[in-house]
């Protein structure tokens, strides 16, 4: 069974712009070290580490040790779960309305 996480941790993690930037960095190039991530943020290593800890607690980032390095990877599954629960259900009626409008306009113009 899939592990369920506290949605509050997820939304808290996404609320901070520095954490969103870390997610964007991992999206463009997964498997980065702490040093590589620090190069793109104007904060201390300790600050970046604290943000990564919050992202890991929310299951948005996973880390793997490779020798002396710790690599960080984006886990998009919780974001997909947010999409399915909170966004997709609001898209369906709008997409159906656009499809109906397109069909009516094609009938009128055709």
PDB file of N, CA and C in Angstrom:
ATOM      1  N   UNK A   1       0.840  -1.189   0.000  1.00  0.00           N
ATOM      2  CA  UNK A   1       0.000   0.000   0.000  1.00  0.00           C
ATOM      3  C   UNK A   1       0.881   1.247   0.000  1.00  0.00           C
ATOM      4  N   UNK A   2       0.482   2.257  -0.741  1.00  0.00           N
ATOM      5  CA  UNK A   2       1.264   3.491  -0.841  1.00  0.00           C
ATOM      6  C   UNK A   2       1.224   4.227   0.499  1.00  0.00           C
ATOM      7  N   UNK A   3       2.341   4.820   0.836  1.00  0.00           N
ATOM      8  CA  UNK A   3       2.435   5.569   2.078  1.00  0.00           C
ATOM      9  C   UNK A   3       1.717   6.902   1.913  1.00  0.00           C
ATOM     10  N   UNK A   4       0.848   7.226   2.870  1.00  0.00           N
ATOM     11  CA  UNK A   4       0.101   8.478   2.822  1.00  0.00           C
ATOM     12  C   UNK A   4       0.815   9.504   3.681  1.00  0.00           C
ATOM     13  N   UNK A   5       0.969  10.687   3.172  1.00  0.00           N
ATOM     14  CA  UNK A   5       1.631  11.764   3.910  1.00  0.00           C
ATOM     15  C   UNK A   5       0.600  12.802   4.305  1.00  0.00           C
ATOM     16  N   UNK A   6       0.954  13.579   5.286  1.00  0.00           N
ATOM     17  CA  UNK A   6       0.111  14.662   5.767  1.00  0.00           C
ATOM     18  C   UNK A   6       0.065  15.754   4.698  1.00  0.00           C
ATOM     19  N   UNK A   7      -1.122  16.055   4.155  1.00  0.00           N
ATOM     20  CA  UNK A   7      -1.200  17.089   3.112  1.00  0.00           C
ATOM     21  C   UNK A   7      -0.746  18.460   3.606  1.00  0.00           C
ATOM     22  N   UNK A   8      -0.851  18.717   4.917  1.00  0.00           N
ATOM     23  CA  UNK A   8      -0.398  20.004   5.438  1.00  0.00           C
ATOM     24  C   UNK A   8       1.106  20.168   5.246  1.00  0.00           C
ATOM     25  N   UNK A   9       1.874  19.075   5.401  1.00  0.00           N
ATOM     26  CA  UNK A   9       3.319  19.136   5.175  1.00  0.00           C
ATOM     27  C   UNK A   9       3.614  19.483   3.719  1.00  0.00           C
ATOM     28  N   UNK A  10       2.828  18.928   2.833  1.00  0.00           N
ATOM     29  CA  UNK A  10       3.015  19.174   1.403  1.00  0.00           C
ATOM     30  C   UNK A  10       2.747  20.637   1.056  1.00  0.00           C
ATOM     31  N   UNK A  11       1.619  21.153   1.524  1.00  0.00           N
ATOM     32  CA  UNK A  11       1.293  22.552   1.218  1.00  0.00           C
ATOM     33  C   UNK A  11       2.260  23.514   1.903  1.00  0.00           C
ATOM     34  N   UNK A  12       2.706  23.175   3.111  1.00  0.00           N
ATOM     35  CA  UNK A  12       3.714  23.999   3.800  1.00  0.00           C
ATOM     36  C   UNK A  12       5.000  24.022   2.984  1.00  0.00           C
ATOM     37  N   UNK A  13       5.400  22.865   2.484  1.00  0.00           N
ATOM     38  CA  UNK A  13       6.637  22.788   1.688  1.00  0.00           C
ATOM     39  C   UNK A  13       6.521  23.629   0.424  1.00  0.00           C
ATOM     40  N   UNK A  14       5.366  23.607  -0.217  1.00  0.00           N
ATOM     41  CA  UNK A  14       5.170  24.344  -1.465  1.00  0.00           C
ATOM     42  C   UNK A  14       4.980  25.846  -1.244  1.00  0.00           C
ATOM     43  N   UNK A  15       4.692  26.245  -0.010  1.00  0.00           N
ATOM     44  CA  UNK A  15       4.389  27.653   0.271  1.00  0.00           C
ATOM     45  C   UNK A  15       5.617  28.556   0.192  1.00  0.00           C
ATOM     46  N   UNK A  16       6.799  27.987   0.318  1.00  0.00           N
ATOM     47  CA  UNK A  16       8.012  28.804   0.369  1.00  0.00           C
ATOM     48  C   UNK A  16       8.669  28.917  -1.005  1.00  0.00           C
ATOM     49  N   UNK A  17       8.980  30.140  -1.460  1.00  0.00           N
ATOM     50  CA  UNK A  17       9.578  30.312  -2.787  1.00  0.00           C
ATOM     51  C   UNK A  17      10.950  29.639  -2.934  1.00  0.00           C
ATOM     52  N   UNK A  18      11.736  29.595  -1.885  1.00  0.00           N
ATOM     53  CA  UNK A  18      13.042  28.930  -1.974  1.00  0.00           C
ATOM     54  C   UNK A  18      12.874  27.429  -2.175  1.00  0.00           C
ATOM     55  N   UNK A  19      11.889  26.853  -1.520  1.00  0.00           N
ATOM     56  CA  UNK A  19      11.650  25.414  -1.704  1.00  0.00           C
ATOM     57  C   UNK A  19      11.111  25.132  -3.103  1.00  0.00           C
ATOM     58  N   UNK A  20      10.261  26.023  -3.610  1.00  0.00           N
ATOM     59  CA  UNK A  20       9.779  25.845  -4.991  1.00  0.00           C
ATOM     60  C   UNK A  20      10.939  25.953  -5.973  1.00  0.00           C
ATOM     61  N   UNK A  21      11.892  26.848  -5.689  1.00  0.00           N
ATOM     62  CA  UNK A  21      13.056  26.968  -6.562  1.00  0.00           C
ATOM     63  C   UNK A  21      13.886  25.681  -6.517  1.00  0.00           C
ATOM     64  N   UNK A  22      14.047  25.096  -5.339  1.00  0.00           N
ATOM     65  CA  UNK A  22      14.760  23.823  -5.238  1.00  0.00           C
ATOM     66  C   UNK A  22      14.069  22.748  -6.068  1.00  0.00           C
ATOM     67  N   UNK A  23      12.746  22.704  -6.012  1.00  0.00           N
ATOM     68  CA  UNK A  23      12.003  21.728  -6.819  1.00  0.00           C
ATOM     69  C   UNK A  23      12.214  21.984  -8.307  1.00  0.00           C
ATOM     70  N   UNK A  24      12.198  23.260  -8.702  1.00  0.00           N
ATOM     71  CA  UNK A  24      12.453  23.592 -10.113  1.00  0.00           C
ATOM     72  C   UNK A  24      13.855  23.167 -10.540  1.00  0.00           C
ATOM     73  N   UNK A  25      14.836  23.389  -9.666  1.00  0.00           N
ATOM     74  CA  UNK A  25      16.211  22.994  -9.978  1.00  0.00           C
ATOM     75  C   UNK A  25      16.313  21.483 -10.153  1.00  0.00           C
ATOM     76  N   UNK A  26      15.652  20.739  -9.279  1.00  0.00           N
ATOM     77  CA  UNK A  26      15.687  19.279  -9.389  1.00  0.00           C
ATOM     78  C   UNK A  26      14.901  18.798 -10.601  1.00  0.00           C
ATOM     79  N   UNK A  27      13.884  19.537 -10.984  1.00  0.00           N
ATOM     80  CA  UNK A  27      13.124  19.159 -12.169  1.00  0.00           C
ATOM     81  C   UNK A  27      13.985  19.284 -13.425  1.00  0.00           C
ATOM     82  N   UNK A  28      14.778  20.346 -13.491  1.00  0.00           N
ATOM     83  CA  UNK A  28      15.613  20.544 -14.676  1.00  0.00           C
ATOM     84  C   UNK A  28      16.826  19.627 -14.696  1.00  0.00           C
ATOM     85  N   UNK A  29      17.326  19.273 -13.512  1.00  0.00           N
ATOM     86  CA  UNK A  29      18.488  18.380 -13.428  1.00  0.00           C
ATOM     87  C   UNK A  29      18.400  17.625 -12.104  1.00  0.00           C
ATOM     88  N   UNK A  30      17.877  16.428 -12.171  1.00  0.00           N
ATOM     89  CA  UNK A  30      17.688  15.603 -10.984  1.00  0.00           C
ATOM     90  C   UNK A  30      19.010  15.031 -10.500  1.00  0.00           C
ATOM     91  N   UNK A  31      19.076  14.672  -9.237  1.00  0.00           N
ATOM     92  CA  UNK A  31      20.264  14.035  -8.695  1.00  0.00           C
ATOM     93  C   UNK A  31      21.377  15.002  -8.366  1.00  0.00           C
ATOM     94  N   UNK A  32      21.023  16.173  -7.852  1.00  0.00           N
ATOM     95  CA  UNK A  32      22.036  17.178  -7.530  1.00  0.00           C
ATOM     96  C   UNK A  32      22.529  17.029  -6.093  1.00  0.00           C
ATOM     97  N   UNK A  33      23.766  17.449  -5.883  1.00  0.00           N
ATOM     98  CA  UNK A  33      24.328  17.479  -4.536  1.00  0.00           C
ATOM     99  C   UNK A  33      23.907  18.766  -3.845  1.00  0.00           C
ATOM    100  N   UNK A  34      24.146  18.817  -2.538  1.00  0.00           N
ATOM    101  CA  UNK A  34      23.863  20.030  -1.777  1.00  0.00           C
ATOM    102  C   UNK A  34      24.664  21.206  -2.334  1.00  0.00           C
ATOM    103  N   UNK A  35      25.925  20.982  -2.642  1.00  0.00           N
ATOM    104  CA  UNK A  35      26.755  22.061  -3.199  1.00  0.00           C
ATOM    105  C   UNK A  35      26.170  22.593  -4.502  1.00  0.00           C
ATOM    106  N   UNK A  36      25.723  21.698  -5.375  1.00  0.00           N
ATOM    107  CA  UNK A  36      25.146  22.130  -6.657  1.00  0.00           C
ATOM    108  C   UNK A  36      23.879  22.947  -6.435  1.00  0.00           C
ATOM    109  N   UNK A  37      23.073  22.552  -5.465  1.00  0.00           N
ATOM    110  CA  UNK A  37      21.850  23.298  -5.179  1.00  0.00           C
ATOM    111  C   UNK A  37      22.168  24.654  -4.547  1.00  0.00           C
ATOM    112  N   UNK A  38      23.177  24.690  -3.673  1.00  0.00           N
ATOM    113  CA  UNK A  38      23.556  25.945  -3.016  1.00  0.00           C
ATOM    114  C   UNK A  38      24.014  27.001  -4.013  1.00  0.00           C
ATOM    115  N   UNK A  39      24.608  26.572  -5.126  1.00  0.00           N
ATOM    116  CA  UNK A  39      25.098  27.519  -6.136  1.00  0.00           C
ATOM    117  C   UNK A  39      23.978  28.394  -6.690  1.00  0.00           C
ATOM    118  N   UNK A  40      22.736  27.923  -6.626  1.00  0.00           N
ATOM    119  CA  UNK A  40      21.613  28.631  -7.246  1.00  0.00           C
ATOM    120  C   UNK A  40      20.756  29.401  -6.242  1.00  0.00           C
ATOM    121  N   UNK A  41      21.115  29.324  -4.961  1.00  0.00           N
ATOM    122  CA  UNK A  41      20.321  30.000  -3.945  1.00  0.00           C
ATOM    123  C   UNK A  41      21.204  30.927  -3.126  1.00  0.00           C
ATOM    124  N   UNK A  42      20.676  32.074  -2.791  1.00  0.00           N
ATOM    125  CA  UNK A  42      21.417  33.061  -2.014  1.00  0.00           C
ATOM    126  C   UNK A  42      21.147  32.827  -0.527  1.00  0.00           C
ATOM    127  N   UNK A  43      21.673  31.696  -0.009  1.00  0.00           N
ATOM    128  CA  UNK A  43      21.517  31.388   1.406  1.00  0.00           C
ATOM    129  C   UNK A  43      22.623  30.425   1.818  1.00  0.00           C
ATOM    130  N   UNK A  44      22.739  30.211   3.101  1.00  0.00           N
ATOM    131  CA  UNK A  44      23.790  29.334   3.626  1.00  0.00           C
ATOM    132  C   UNK A  44      23.469  27.873   3.311  1.00  0.00           C
ATOM    133  N   UNK A  45      24.511  27.040   3.413  1.00  0.00           N
ATOM    134  CA  UNK A  45      24.314  25.581   3.259  1.00  0.00           C
ATOM    135  C   UNK A  45      23.289  25.082   4.271  1.00  0.00           C
ATOM    136  N   UNK A  46      23.393  25.605   5.491  1.00  0.00           N
ATOM    137  CA  UNK A  46      22.462  25.182   6.539  1.00  0.00           C
ATOM    138  C   UNK A  46      21.025  25.543   6.162  1.00  0.00           C
ATOM    139  N   UNK A  47      20.836  26.715   5.575  1.00  0.00           N
ATOM    140  CA  UNK A  47      19.499  27.130   5.139  1.00  0.00           C
ATOM    141  C   UNK A  47      18.956  26.213   4.052  1.00  0.00           C
ATOM    142  N   UNK A  48      19.790  25.894   3.068  1.00  0.00           N
ATOM    143  CA  UNK A  48      19.367  24.993   1.990  1.00  0.00           C
ATOM    144  C   UNK A  48      19.052  23.611   2.565  1.00  0.00           C
ATOM    145  N   UNK A  49      19.886  23.148   3.500  1.00  0.00           N
ATOM    146  CA  UNK A  49      19.654  21.847   4.136  1.00  0.00           C
ATOM    147  C   UNK A  49      18.320  21.827   4.860  1.00  0.00           C
ATOM    148  N   UNK A  50      17.999  22.904   5.551  1.00  0.00           N
ATOM    149  CA  UNK A  50      16.717  22.974   6.263  1.00  0.00           C
ATOM    150  C   UNK A  50      15.546  22.918   5.285  1.00  0.00           C
ATOM    151  N   UNK A  51      15.665  23.619   4.162  1.00  0.00           N
ATOM    152  CA  UNK A  51      14.607  23.571   3.146  1.00  0.00           C
ATOM    153  C   UNK A  51      14.483  22.163   2.561  1.00  0.00           C
ATOM    154  N   UNK A  52      15.610  21.520   2.304  1.00  0.00           N
ATOM    155  CA  UNK A  52      15.579  20.153   1.779  1.00  0.00           C
ATOM    156  C   UNK A  52      14.934  19.194   2.789  1.00  0.00           C
ATOM    157  N   UNK A  53      15.175  19.416   4.080  1.00  0.00           N
ATOM    158  CA  UNK A  53      14.553  18.582   5.112  1.00  0.00           C
ATOM    159  C   UNK A  53      13.028  18.699   5.075  1.00  0.00           C
ATOM    160  N   UNK A  54      12.539  19.924   4.875  1.00  0.00           N
ATOM    161  CA  UNK A  54      11.087  20.135   4.780  1.00  0.00           C
ATOM    162  C   UNK A  54      10.535  19.430   3.537  1.00  0.00           C
ATOM    163  N   UNK A  55      11.260  19.544   2.422  1.00  0.00           N
ATOM    164  CA  UNK A  55      10.825  18.885   1.179  1.00  0.00           C
ATOM    165  C   UNK A  55      10.850  17.360   1.321  1.00  0.00           C
ATOM    166  N   UNK A  56      11.834  16.841   2.030  1.00  0.00           N
ATOM    167  CA  UNK A  56      11.890  15.393   2.262  1.00  0.00           C
ATOM    168  C   UNK A  56      10.756  14.945   3.175  1.00  0.00           C
ATOM    169  N   UNK A  57      10.453  15.727   4.201  1.00  0.00           N
ATOM    170  CA  UNK A  57       9.353  15.384   5.114  1.00  0.00           C
ATOM    171  C   UNK A  57       8.023  15.353   4.371  1.00  0.00           C
ATOM    172  N   UNK A  58       7.888  16.188   3.346  1.00  0.00           N
ATOM    173  CA  UNK A  58       6.666  16.232   2.535  1.00  0.00           C
ATOM    174  C   UNK A  58       6.705  15.203   1.406  1.00  0.00           C
ATOM    175  N   UNK A  59       7.774  14.430   1.331  1.00  0.00           N
ATOM    176  CA  UNK A  59       7.951  13.381   0.317  1.00  0.00           C
ATOM    177  C   UNK A  59       8.107  13.949  -1.095  1.00  0.00           C
ATOM    178  N   UNK A  60       8.529  15.208  -1.202  1.00  0.00           N
ATOM    179  CA  UNK A  60       8.750  15.829  -2.506  1.00  0.00           C
ATOM    180  C   UNK A  60      10.175  15.621  -3.002  1.00  0.00           C
ATOM    181  N   UNK A  61      11.080  15.328  -2.090  1.00  0.00           N
ATOM    182  CA  UNK A  61      12.478  15.092  -2.427  1.00  0.00           C
ATOM    183  C   UNK A  61      12.929  13.824  -1.714  1.00  0.00           C
ATOM    184  N   UNK A  62      13.676  13.022  -2.446  1.00  0.00           N
ATOM    185  CA  UNK A  62      14.303  11.830  -1.872  1.00  0.00           C
ATOM    186  C   UNK A  62      15.804  11.982  -2.053  1.00  0.00           C
ATOM    187  N   UNK A  63      16.558  11.441  -1.117  1.00  0.00           N
ATOM    188  CA  UNK A  63      18.014  11.545  -1.250  1.00  0.00           C
ATOM    189  C   UNK A  63      18.639  10.155  -1.176  1.00  0.00           C
ATOM    190  N   UNK A  64      19.776  10.044  -1.858  1.00  0.00           N
ATOM    191  CA  UNK A  64      20.514   8.788  -1.939  1.00  0.00           C
ATOM    192  C   UNK A  64      21.986   9.102  -1.730  1.00  0.00           C
ATOM    193  N   UNK A  65      22.638   8.327  -0.910  1.00  0.00           N
ATOM    194  CA  UNK A  65      24.082   8.501  -0.709  1.00  0.00           C
ATOM    195  C   UNK A  65      24.841   7.794  -1.818  1.00  0.00           C
ATOM    196  N   UNK A  66      25.819   8.501  -2.369  1.00  0.00           N
ATOM    197  CA  UNK A  66      26.740   7.923  -3.355  1.00  0.00           C
ATOM    198  C   UNK A  66      28.141   8.273  -2.878  1.00  0.00           C
ATOM    199  N   UNK A  67      28.753   7.305  -2.202  1.00  0.00           N
ATOM    200  CA  UNK A  67      30.045   7.594  -1.598  1.00  0.00           C
ATOM    201  C   UNK A  67      29.884   8.646  -0.521  1.00  0.00           C
ATOM    202  N   UNK A  68      30.660   9.708  -0.632  1.00  0.00           N
ATOM    203  CA  UNK A  68      30.582  10.803   0.346  1.00  0.00           C
ATOM    204  C   UNK A  68      29.503  11.817  -0.008  1.00  0.00           C
ATOM    205  N   UNK A  69      28.955  11.710  -1.212  1.00  0.00           N
ATOM    206  CA  UNK A  69      27.940  12.677  -1.664  1.00  0.00           C
ATOM    207  C   UNK A  69      26.536  12.181  -1.341  1.00  0.00           C
ATOM    208  N   UNK A  70      25.658  13.139  -1.182  1.00  0.00           N
ATOM    209  CA  UNK A  70      24.235  12.847  -1.009  1.00  0.00           C
ATOM    210  C   UNK A  70      23.517  13.500  -2.182  1.00  0.00           C
ATOM    211  N   UNK A  71      22.884  12.691  -3.008  1.00  0.00           N
ATOM    212  CA  UNK A  71      22.183  13.204  -4.185  1.00  0.00           C
ATOM    213  C   UNK A  71      20.705  13.380  -3.857  1.00  0.00           C
ATOM    214  N   UNK A  72      20.131  14.463  -4.367  1.00  0.00           N
ATOM    215  CA  UNK A  72      18.728  14.790  -4.117  1.00  0.00           C
ATOM    216  C   UNK A  72      17.935  14.635  -5.407  1.00  0.00           C
ATOM    217  N   UNK A  73      16.775  13.981  -5.282  1.00  0.00           N
ATOM    218  CA  UNK A  73      15.921  13.698  -6.434  1.00  0.00           C
ATOM    219  C   UNK A  73      14.505  14.189  -6.175  1.00  0.00           C
ATOM    220  N   UNK A  74      13.899  14.729  -7.208  1.00  0.00           N
ATOM    221  CA  UNK A  74      12.506  15.162  -7.159  1.00  0.00           C
ATOM    222  C   UNK A  74      11.595  13.944  -7.164  1.00  0.00           C
ATOM    223  N   UNK A  75      10.597  13.950  -6.303  1.00  0.00           N
ATOM    224  CA  UNK A  75       9.551  12.933  -6.307  1.00  0.00           C
ATOM    225  C   UNK A  75       8.247  13.633  -6.697  1.00  0.00           C
ATOM    226  N   UNK A  76       7.797  13.478  -7.946  1.00  0.00           N
ATOM    227  CA  UNK A  76       6.607  14.202  -8.404  1.00  0.00           C
ATOM    228  C   UNK A  76       5.280  13.575  -7.965  1.00  0.00           C
ATOM    229  N   UNK A  77       5.306  12.425  -7.329  1.00  0.00           N
ATOM    230  CA  UNK A  77       4.062  11.727  -6.977  1.00  0.00           C
ATOM    231  C   UNK A  77       3.138  12.579  -6.100  1.00  0.00           C
ATOM    232  N   UNK A  78       3.625  13.213  -5.030  1.00  0.00           N
ATOM    233  CA  UNK A  78       2.702  14.040  -4.233  1.00  0.00           C
ATOM    234  C   UNK A  78       2.086  15.190  -5.030  1.00  0.00           C
ATOM    235  N   UNK A  79       2.835  15.740  -5.986  1.00  0.00           N
ATOM    236  CA  UNK A  79       2.279  16.807  -6.828  1.00  0.00           C
ATOM    237  C   UNK A  79       1.167  16.268  -7.717  1.00  0.00           C
ATOM    238  N   UNK A  80       1.349  15.061  -8.236  1.00  0.00           N
ATOM    239  CA  UNK A  80       0.305  14.423  -9.044  1.00  0.00           C
ATOM    240  C   UNK A  80      -0.941  14.176  -8.205  1.00  0.00           C
ATOM    241  N   UNK A  81      -0.738  13.781  -6.948  1.00  0.00           N
ATOM    242  CA  UNK A  81      -1.880  13.559  -6.054  1.00  0.00           C
ATOM    243  C   UNK A  81      -2.643  14.857  -5.798  1.00  0.00           C
ATOM    244  N   UNK A  82      -1.926  15.971  -5.636  1.00  0.00           N
ATOM    245  CA  UNK A  82      -2.590  17.275  -5.483  1.00  0.00           C
ATOM    246  C   UNK A  82      -3.377  17.591  -6.749  1.00  0.00           C
ATOM    247  N   UNK A  83      -2.748  17.368  -7.887  1.00  0.00           N
ATOM    248  CA  UNK A  83      -3.421  17.637  -9.158  1.00  0.00           C
ATOM    249  C   UNK A  83      -4.719  16.839  -9.250  1.00  0.00           C
ATOM    250  N   UNK A  84      -4.640  15.552  -8.979  1.00  0.00           N
ATOM    251  CA  UNK A  84      -5.825  14.701  -9.100  1.00  0.00           C
ATOM    252  C   UNK A  84      -6.912  15.087  -8.105  1.00  0.00           C
ATOM    253  N   UNK A  85      -6.521  15.427  -6.875  1.00  0.00           N
ATOM    254  CA  UNK A  85      -7.512  15.727  -5.850  1.00  0.00           C
ATOM    255  C   UNK A  85      -8.070  17.146  -5.943  1.00  0.00           C
ATOM    256  N   UNK A  86      -7.218  18.116  -6.238  1.00  0.00           N
ATOM    257  CA  UNK A  86      -7.635  19.506  -6.117  1.00  0.00           C
ATOM    258  C   UNK A  86      -7.779  20.247  -7.438  1.00  0.00           C
ATOM    259  N   UNK A  87      -7.147  19.802  -8.508  1.00  0.00           N
ATOM    260  CA  UNK A  87      -7.157  20.576  -9.749  1.00  0.00           C
ATOM    261  C   UNK A  87      -7.970  19.905 -10.846  1.00  0.00           C
ATOM    262  N   UNK A  88      -7.725  18.633 -11.086  1.00  0.00           N
ATOM    263  CA  UNK A  88      -8.357  17.933 -12.215  1.00  0.00           C
ATOM    264  C   UNK A  88      -9.880  18.011 -12.167  1.00  0.00           C
ATOM    265  N   UNK A  89     -10.454  17.867 -10.986  1.00  0.00           N
ATOM    266  CA  UNK A  89     -11.922  17.877 -10.904  1.00  0.00           C
ATOM    267  C   UNK A  89     -12.519  19.228 -11.293  1.00  0.00           C
ATOM    268  N   UNK A  90     -11.722  20.292 -11.183  1.00  0.00           N
ATOM    269  CA  UNK A  90     -12.216  21.602 -11.587  1.00  0.00           C
ATOM    270  C   UNK A  90     -11.997  21.856 -13.066  1.00  0.00           C
ATOM    271  N   UNK A  91     -11.071  21.130 -13.680  1.00  0.00           N
ATOM    272  CA  UNK A  91     -10.808  21.281 -15.112  1.00  0.00           C
ATOM    273  C   UNK A  91     -11.886  20.631 -15.965  1.00  0.00           C
ATOM    274  N   UNK A  92     -12.418  19.494 -15.539  1.00  0.00           N
ATOM    275  CA  UNK A  92     -13.344  18.722 -16.367  1.00  0.00           C
ATOM    276  C   UNK A  92     -14.548  19.537 -16.842  1.00  0.00           C
ATOM    277  N   UNK A  93     -15.260  20.234 -15.962  1.00  0.00           N
ATOM    278  CA  UNK A  93     -16.413  21.014 -16.449  1.00  0.00           C
ATOM    279  C   UNK A  93     -16.003  22.116 -17.430  1.00  0.00           C
ATOM    280  N   UNK A  94     -14.868  22.760 -17.165  1.00  0.00           N
ATOM    281  CA  UNK A  94     -14.413  23.829 -18.058  1.00  0.00           C
ATOM    282  C   UNK A  94     -14.038  23.267 -19.427  1.00  0.00           C
ATOM    283  N   UNK A  95     -13.343  22.129 -19.450  1.00  0.00           N
ATOM    284  CA  UNK A  95     -12.969  21.518 -20.718  1.00  0.00           C
ATOM    285  C   UNK A  95     -14.198  21.044 -21.491  1.00  0.00           C
ATOM    286  N   UNK A  96     -15.202  20.515 -20.771  1.00  0.00           N
ATOM    287  CA  UNK A  96     -16.435  20.100 -21.440  1.00  0.00           C
ATOM    288  C   UNK A  96     -17.136  21.320 -22.033  1.00  0.00           C
ATOM    289  N   UNK A  97     -17.171  22.425 -21.305  1.00  0.00           N
ATOM    290  CA  UNK A  97     -17.806  23.647 -21.815  1.00  0.00           C
ATOM    291  C   UNK A  97     -17.082  24.152 -23.065  1.00  0.00           C
ATOM    292  N   UNK A  98     -15.762  24.120 -23.070  1.00  0.00           N
ATOM    293  CA  UNK A  98     -15.003  24.542 -24.250  1.00  0.00           C
ATOM    294  C   UNK A  98     -15.265  23.617 -25.439  1.00  0.00           C
ATOM    295  N   UNK A  99     -15.338  22.331 -25.169  1.00  0.00           N
ATOM    296  CA  UNK A  99     -15.619  21.356 -26.229  1.00  0.00           C
ATOM    297  C   UNK A  99     -17.015  21.594 -26.811  1.00  0.00           C
ATOM    298  N   UNK A 100     -17.996  21.825 -25.938  1.00  0.00           N
ATOM    299  CA  UNK A 100     -19.369  22.100 -26.401  1.00  0.00           C
ATOM    300  C   UNK A 100     -19.414  23.386 -27.222  1.00  0.00           C
ATOM    301  N   UNK A 101     -18.702  24.418 -26.768  1.00  0.00           N
ATOM    302  CA  UNK A 101     -18.664  25.683 -27.489  1.00  0.00           C
ATOM    303  C   UNK A 101     -18.029  25.490 -28.866  1.00  0.00           C
ATOM    304  N   UNK A 102     -16.929  24.755 -28.934  1.00  0.00           N
ATOM    305  CA  UNK A 102     -16.262  24.486 -30.203  1.00  0.00           C
ATOM    306  C   UNK A 102     -17.215  23.777 -31.163  1.00  0.00           C
ATOM    307  N   UNK A 103     -17.937  22.771 -30.646  1.00  0.00           N
ATOM    308  CA  UNK A 103     -18.865  22.018 -31.485  1.00  0.00           C
ATOM    309  C   UNK A 103     -19.985  22.932 -32.003  1.00  0.00           C
ATOM    310  N   UNK A 104     -20.518  23.799 -31.132  1.00  0.00           N
ATOM    311  CA  UNK A 104     -21.578  24.716 -31.569  1.00  0.00           C
ATOM    312  C   UNK A 104     -21.066  25.706 -32.603  1.00  0.00           C
ATOM    313  N   UNK A 105     -19.865  26.215 -32.403  1.00  0.00           N
ATOM    314  CA  UNK A 105     -19.296  27.180 -33.350  1.00  0.00           C
ATOM    315  C   UNK A 105     -19.022  26.524 -34.699  1.00  0.00           C
ATOM    316  N   UNK A 106     -18.552  25.284 -34.675  1.00  0.00           N
ATOM    317  CA  UNK A 106     -18.304  24.571 -35.940  1.00  0.00           C
ATOM    318  C   UNK A 106     -19.615  24.310 -36.687  1.00  0.00           C
ATOM    319  N   UNK A 107     -20.691  24.043 -35.942  1.00  0.00           N
ATOM    320  CA  UNK A 107     -22.008  23.849 -36.572  1.00  0.00           C
ATOM    321  C   UNK A 107     -22.482  25.133 -37.232  1.00  0.00           C
ATOM    322  N   UNK A 108     -22.299  26.253 -36.519  1.00  0.00           N
ATOM    323  CA  UNK A 108     -22.762  27.545 -37.037  1.00  0.00           C
ATOM    324  C   UNK A 108     -21.949  27.975 -38.242  1.00  0.00           C
ATOM    325  N   UNK A 109     -20.655  27.744 -38.219  1.00  0.00           N
ATOM    326  CA  UNK A 109     -19.781  28.156 -39.321  1.00  0.00           C
ATOM    327  C   UNK A 109     -19.716  27.141 -40.434  1.00  0.00           C
ATOM    328  N   UNK A 110     -20.158  25.920 -40.196  1.00  0.00           N
ATOM    329  CA  UNK A 110     -20.031  24.852 -41.186  1.00  0.00           C
ATOM    330  C   UNK A 110     -21.226  24.698 -41.992  1.00  0.00           C
TER     331      UNK A 110
END
